[in-house]
Amino acid sequence: MSGPVSVLVVVRQVKPQKVVSGSRRWWVVPAVLAVVALREPGLVDGGHRAASVGLLAAGALLGIGTG
């Protein structure tokens, strides 16, 4: 039974779909995730604060650039 279901899932995932271009709130989910991540107490290492912030900023910029 899982064979046909798996095929259906794969077919639906690779099927071309129209991109919705009228949404003005595309930024809400990333903003909420960023706020939740920044409130996490262990996000920046206290012993290596400069390196932690630098790596965090580099990763964010790389993600935005390739996103």
N, C-alpha and C. Protein backbone atom coordinates (compact mmCIF):
# COMPACT_ATOMS: atom_id res chain seq x y z
N MET A 1 0.82 -1.20 0.00
CA MET A 1 0.00 0.00 0.00
C MET A 1 0.86 1.26 0.00
N SER A 2 2.04 1.20 0.61
CA SER A 2 2.85 2.41 0.68
C SER A 2 3.49 2.75 -0.66
N GLY A 3 3.62 1.78 -1.56
CA GLY A 3 4.20 2.04 -2.87
C GLY A 3 3.40 3.06 -3.68
N PRO A 4 2.10 2.84 -3.88
CA PRO A 4 1.30 3.83 -4.63
C PRO A 4 1.22 5.17 -3.93
N VAL A 5 1.17 5.16 -2.60
CA VAL A 5 1.11 6.42 -1.85
C VAL A 5 2.41 7.19 -2.04
N SER A 6 3.53 6.49 -1.99
CA SER A 6 4.83 7.14 -2.18
C SER A 6 4.93 7.74 -3.59
N VAL A 7 4.47 7.01 -4.58
CA VAL A 7 4.50 7.52 -5.95
C VAL A 7 3.64 8.77 -6.07
N LEU A 8 2.47 8.75 -5.44
CA LEU A 8 1.58 9.91 -5.48
C LEU A 8 2.24 11.13 -4.83
N VAL A 9 2.89 10.92 -3.70
CA VAL A 9 3.55 12.03 -3.01
C VAL A 9 4.67 12.60 -3.87
N VAL A 10 5.49 11.74 -4.46
CA VAL A 10 6.60 12.21 -5.30
C VAL A 10 6.07 12.96 -6.52
N VAL A 11 5.04 12.43 -7.16
CA VAL A 11 4.49 13.08 -8.34
C VAL A 11 3.95 14.46 -7.99
N ARG A 12 3.28 14.57 -6.86
CA ARG A 12 2.72 15.88 -6.47
C ARG A 12 3.82 16.87 -6.08
N GLN A 13 4.92 16.38 -5.52
CA GLN A 13 6.00 17.27 -5.11
C GLN A 13 6.76 17.83 -6.30
N VAL A 14 6.92 17.06 -7.37
CA VAL A 14 7.71 17.53 -8.50
C VAL A 14 6.85 18.15 -9.60
N LYS A 15 5.55 18.17 -9.42
CA LYS A 15 4.65 18.76 -10.40
C LYS A 15 4.81 20.29 -10.39
N PRO A 16 4.96 20.90 -11.57
CA PRO A 16 5.10 22.37 -11.61
C PRO A 16 3.84 23.05 -11.07
N GLN A 17 4.05 24.09 -10.27
CA GLN A 17 2.93 24.84 -9.71
C GLN A 17 3.17 26.33 -9.91
N LYS A 18 2.10 27.06 -10.02
CA LYS A 18 2.18 28.51 -10.19
C LYS A 18 2.58 29.15 -8.86
N VAL A 19 3.50 30.10 -8.92
CA VAL A 19 3.93 30.82 -7.73
C VAL A 19 2.95 31.96 -7.48
N VAL A 20 2.49 32.06 -6.24
CA VAL A 20 1.57 33.15 -5.89
C VAL A 20 2.39 34.41 -5.73
N SER A 21 2.10 35.43 -6.53
CA SER A 21 2.94 36.63 -6.52
C SER A 21 2.25 37.84 -5.91
N GLY A 22 1.07 37.69 -5.36
CA GLY A 22 0.38 38.84 -4.83
C GLY A 22 0.45 38.96 -3.32
N SER A 23 1.11 38.04 -2.66
CA SER A 23 1.14 38.04 -1.20
C SER A 23 2.11 39.09 -0.68
N ARG A 24 1.62 39.95 0.18
CA ARG A 24 2.48 41.00 0.76
C ARG A 24 3.03 40.59 2.12
N ARG A 25 2.58 39.46 2.65
CA ARG A 25 3.04 39.05 3.98
C ARG A 25 3.97 37.85 3.91
N TRP A 26 4.81 37.77 2.92
CA TRP A 26 5.74 36.67 2.78
C TRP A 26 6.80 36.68 3.89
N TRP A 27 6.99 37.82 4.51
CA TRP A 27 8.06 38.00 5.49
C TRP A 27 7.64 37.63 6.91
N VAL A 28 6.37 37.33 7.14
CA VAL A 28 5.88 37.11 8.51
C VAL A 28 6.51 35.87 9.14
N VAL A 29 6.52 34.75 8.43
CA VAL A 29 7.07 33.51 9.01
C VAL A 29 8.56 33.65 9.28
N PRO A 30 9.39 34.16 8.34
CA PRO A 30 10.80 34.34 8.67
C PRO A 30 11.03 35.31 9.84
N ALA A 31 10.21 36.35 9.94
CA ALA A 31 10.36 37.30 11.04
C ALA A 31 10.04 36.65 12.38
N VAL A 32 8.99 35.86 12.42
CA VAL A 32 8.64 35.17 13.67
C VAL A 32 9.74 34.18 14.05
N LEU A 33 10.26 33.45 13.09
CA LEU A 33 11.34 32.51 13.39
C LEU A 33 12.59 33.24 13.87
N ALA A 34 12.90 34.39 13.30
CA ALA A 34 14.06 35.17 13.73
C ALA A 34 13.89 35.66 15.16
N VAL A 35 12.71 36.14 15.50
CA VAL A 35 12.45 36.62 16.86
C VAL A 35 12.57 35.48 17.86
N VAL A 36 12.01 34.34 17.53
CA VAL A 36 12.10 33.19 18.44
C VAL A 36 13.56 32.76 18.61
N ALA A 37 14.33 32.76 17.52
CA ALA A 37 15.74 32.37 17.60
C ALA A 37 16.55 33.36 18.41
N LEU A 38 16.28 34.65 18.24
CA LEU A 38 17.06 35.66 18.97
C LEU A 38 16.74 35.69 20.45
N ARG A 39 15.58 35.20 20.85
CA ARG A 39 15.22 35.15 22.27
C ARG A 39 15.86 33.96 22.98
N GLU A 40 16.43 33.04 22.22
CA GLU A 40 17.06 31.85 22.80
C GLU A 40 18.31 32.27 23.56
N PRO A 41 18.44 31.86 24.82
CA PRO A 41 19.58 32.32 25.64
C PRO A 41 20.93 31.78 25.20
N GLY A 42 20.99 30.63 24.56
CA GLY A 42 22.27 30.04 24.18
C GLY A 42 22.69 30.37 22.77
N LEU A 43 22.11 31.37 22.17
CA LEU A 43 22.41 31.69 20.78
C LEU A 43 23.84 32.22 20.62
N VAL A 44 24.30 33.03 21.56
CA VAL A 44 25.65 33.59 21.52
C VAL A 44 26.43 33.04 22.70
N ASP A 45 27.60 32.48 22.41
CA ASP A 45 28.45 31.90 23.46
C ASP A 45 29.08 33.03 24.27
N GLY A 46 28.92 32.98 25.58
CA GLY A 46 29.46 34.03 26.45
C GLY A 46 30.97 34.12 26.43
N GLY A 47 31.66 32.98 26.27
CA GLY A 47 33.12 32.97 26.27
C GLY A 47 33.72 33.42 24.96
N HIS A 48 32.99 33.31 23.89
CA HIS A 48 33.48 33.68 22.57
C HIS A 48 32.45 34.55 21.87
N ARG A 49 32.11 35.63 22.51
CA ARG A 49 31.02 36.47 22.02
C ARG A 49 31.28 37.03 20.62
N ALA A 50 32.46 37.56 20.37
CA ALA A 50 32.75 38.17 19.06
C ALA A 50 32.72 37.12 17.95
N ALA A 51 33.31 35.97 18.20
CA ALA A 51 33.30 34.91 17.19
C ALA A 51 31.89 34.39 16.95
N SER A 52 31.11 34.25 18.01
CA SER A 52 29.73 33.77 17.87
C SER A 52 28.88 34.72 17.06
N VAL A 53 28.98 36.00 17.36
CA VAL A 53 28.19 36.99 16.63
C VAL A 53 28.66 37.07 15.19
N GLY A 54 29.97 37.00 14.96
CA GLY A 54 30.50 37.04 13.59
C GLY A 54 30.02 35.86 12.76
N LEU A 55 30.07 34.66 13.34
CA LEU A 55 29.61 33.48 12.61
C LEU A 55 28.10 33.52 12.39
N LEU A 56 27.37 34.01 13.37
CA LEU A 56 25.92 34.14 13.23
C LEU A 56 25.56 35.12 12.11
N ALA A 57 26.24 36.26 12.08
CA ALA A 57 26.00 37.26 11.04
C ALA A 57 26.40 36.74 9.66
N ALA A 58 27.53 36.06 9.59
CA ALA A 58 27.99 35.51 8.31
C ALA A 58 27.01 34.46 7.80
N GLY A 59 26.53 33.61 8.69
CA GLY A 59 25.56 32.60 8.28
C GLY A 59 24.24 33.21 7.83
N ALA A 60 23.80 34.26 8.53
CA ALA A 60 22.56 34.93 8.13
C ALA A 60 22.71 35.60 6.78
N LEU A 61 23.82 36.29 6.56
CA LEU A 61 24.04 36.96 5.28
C LEU A 61 24.19 35.95 4.14
N LEU A 62 24.86 34.84 4.41
CA LEU A 62 24.99 33.80 3.39
C LEU A 62 23.63 33.19 3.07
N GLY A 63 22.82 32.97 4.09
CA GLY A 63 21.49 32.43 3.86
C GLY A 63 20.61 33.38 3.08
N ILE A 64 20.68 34.67 3.39
CA ILE A 64 19.91 35.66 2.65
C ILE A 64 20.40 35.77 1.21
N GLY A 65 21.72 35.72 1.05
CA GLY A 65 22.29 35.85 -0.29
C GLY A 65 21.96 34.67 -1.19
N THR A 66 21.93 33.47 -0.64
CA THR A 66 21.65 32.30 -1.46
C THR A 66 20.18 31.90 -1.43
N GLY A 67 19.41 32.53 -0.54
CA GLY A 67 18.02 32.16 -0.34
C GLY A 67 17.16 32.43 -1.50
